[in-house]
Protein backbone atom coordinates (compact mmCIF):
# COMPACT_ATOMS: atom_id res chain seq x y z
CA UNK A 1 145.06 95.68 77.31
CA UNK A 2 142.44 98.40 76.76
CA UNK A 3 141.68 100.73 79.65
CA UNK A 4 139.38 99.12 82.21
CA UNK A 5 139.93 95.45 81.34
CA UNK A 6 140.27 93.00 84.24
CA UNK A 7 143.46 90.97 84.64
CA UNK A 8 144.00 87.96 86.92
CA UNK A 9 147.67 87.34 87.71
CA UNK A 10 150.08 85.60 90.10
CA UNK A 11 152.47 87.57 92.27
CA UNK A 12 154.45 86.75 95.43
CA UNK A 13 152.68 83.43 96.03
CA UNK A 14 149.12 84.74 95.64
CA UNK A 15 146.56 85.33 92.90
CA UNK A 16 145.24 88.84 92.36
CA UNK A 17 142.93 90.86 90.13
CA UNK A 18 143.51 94.37 88.84
CA UNK A 19 141.72 96.75 86.54
CA UNK A 20 143.90 98.21 83.83
CA UNK A 21 144.48 101.90 84.42
CA UNK A 22 143.89 101.73 88.19
CA UNK A 23 146.54 101.36 90.85
CA UNK A 24 146.97 98.02 92.60
CA UNK A 25 144.83 94.91 92.94
CA UNK A 26 141.17 95.44 93.82
CA UNK A 27 140.20 92.19 95.49
CA UNK A 28 143.12 91.28 97.75
CA UNK A 29 145.08 88.04 97.56
CA UNK A 30 143.36 84.76 96.73
CA UNK A 31 144.76 81.40 97.81
CA UNK A 32 143.94 79.69 94.51
CA UNK A 33 143.84 80.64 90.86
CA UNK A 34 140.24 79.44 90.62
CA UNK A 35 139.07 81.84 93.36
CA UNK A 36 140.79 84.80 91.70
CA UNK A 37 139.46 83.86 88.25
CA UNK A 38 135.89 83.67 89.57
CA UNK A 39 136.12 87.15 91.11
CA UNK A 40 137.82 88.54 88.01
CA UNK A 41 135.21 87.01 85.70
CA UNK A 42 132.29 88.46 87.65
CA UNK A 43 133.95 91.88 87.71
CA UNK A 44 134.61 91.77 83.95
CA UNK A 45 130.99 90.76 83.31
CA UNK A 46 129.66 93.58 85.48
CA UNK A 47 131.94 96.12 83.76
CA UNK A 48 131.34 94.55 80.31
CA UNK A 49 135.06 94.38 79.53
CA UNK A 50 137.66 91.76 78.69
CA UNK A 51 139.02 89.35 81.32
CA UNK A 52 142.63 88.28 80.87
CA UNK A 53 143.95 85.37 82.94
CA UNK A 54 147.71 84.94 83.14
CA UNK A 55 149.75 81.85 83.98
CA UNK A 56 152.28 81.94 86.83
CA UNK A 57 154.99 82.87 84.30
CA UNK A 58 152.99 85.91 83.11
CA UNK A 59 151.92 84.58 79.73
CA UNK A 60 148.27 84.86 78.77
CA UNK A 61 146.41 81.65 79.51
CA UNK A 62 142.83 82.70 78.76
CA UNK A 63 141.03 85.72 77.41
CA UNK A 64 137.27 86.31 77.47
CA UNK A 65 135.22 89.28 76.32
CA UNK A 66 132.05 90.18 78.21
CA UNK A 67 131.29 93.49 76.53
CA UNK A 68 130.54 94.69 73.03
CA UNK A 69 132.03 92.09 70.71
CA UNK A 70 131.13 92.92 67.10
CA UNK A 71 131.00 89.91 64.81
CA UNK A 72 131.56 91.34 61.32
CA UNK A 73 134.14 88.68 60.53
CA UNK A 74 132.87 85.86 58.34
CA UNK A 75 133.53 82.36 59.48
C-alpha cells in the first residue's frame, strides 16, 4: 500500500479506517462495514489516493483509486 492510502479493516468486533504511514485509526470504530467504507471512501476521494477495503479475514475485498490513475494500457 503506497504511503497515504486509506484502508478499511475489521478489528476486535469493529470496523475502522487508517491512513497508511500514520499511527492508529482516524475515524474511531464503526458498527457496520458500510459505515466505515463510506467514511474511508470520502477520505480517499478528498486525499486523491487509493481506498482498500478488507474482509473480516484480512484479505482485500475491494480496491478503488481516486487519484491520478494513468491509462496508458491498451484494452
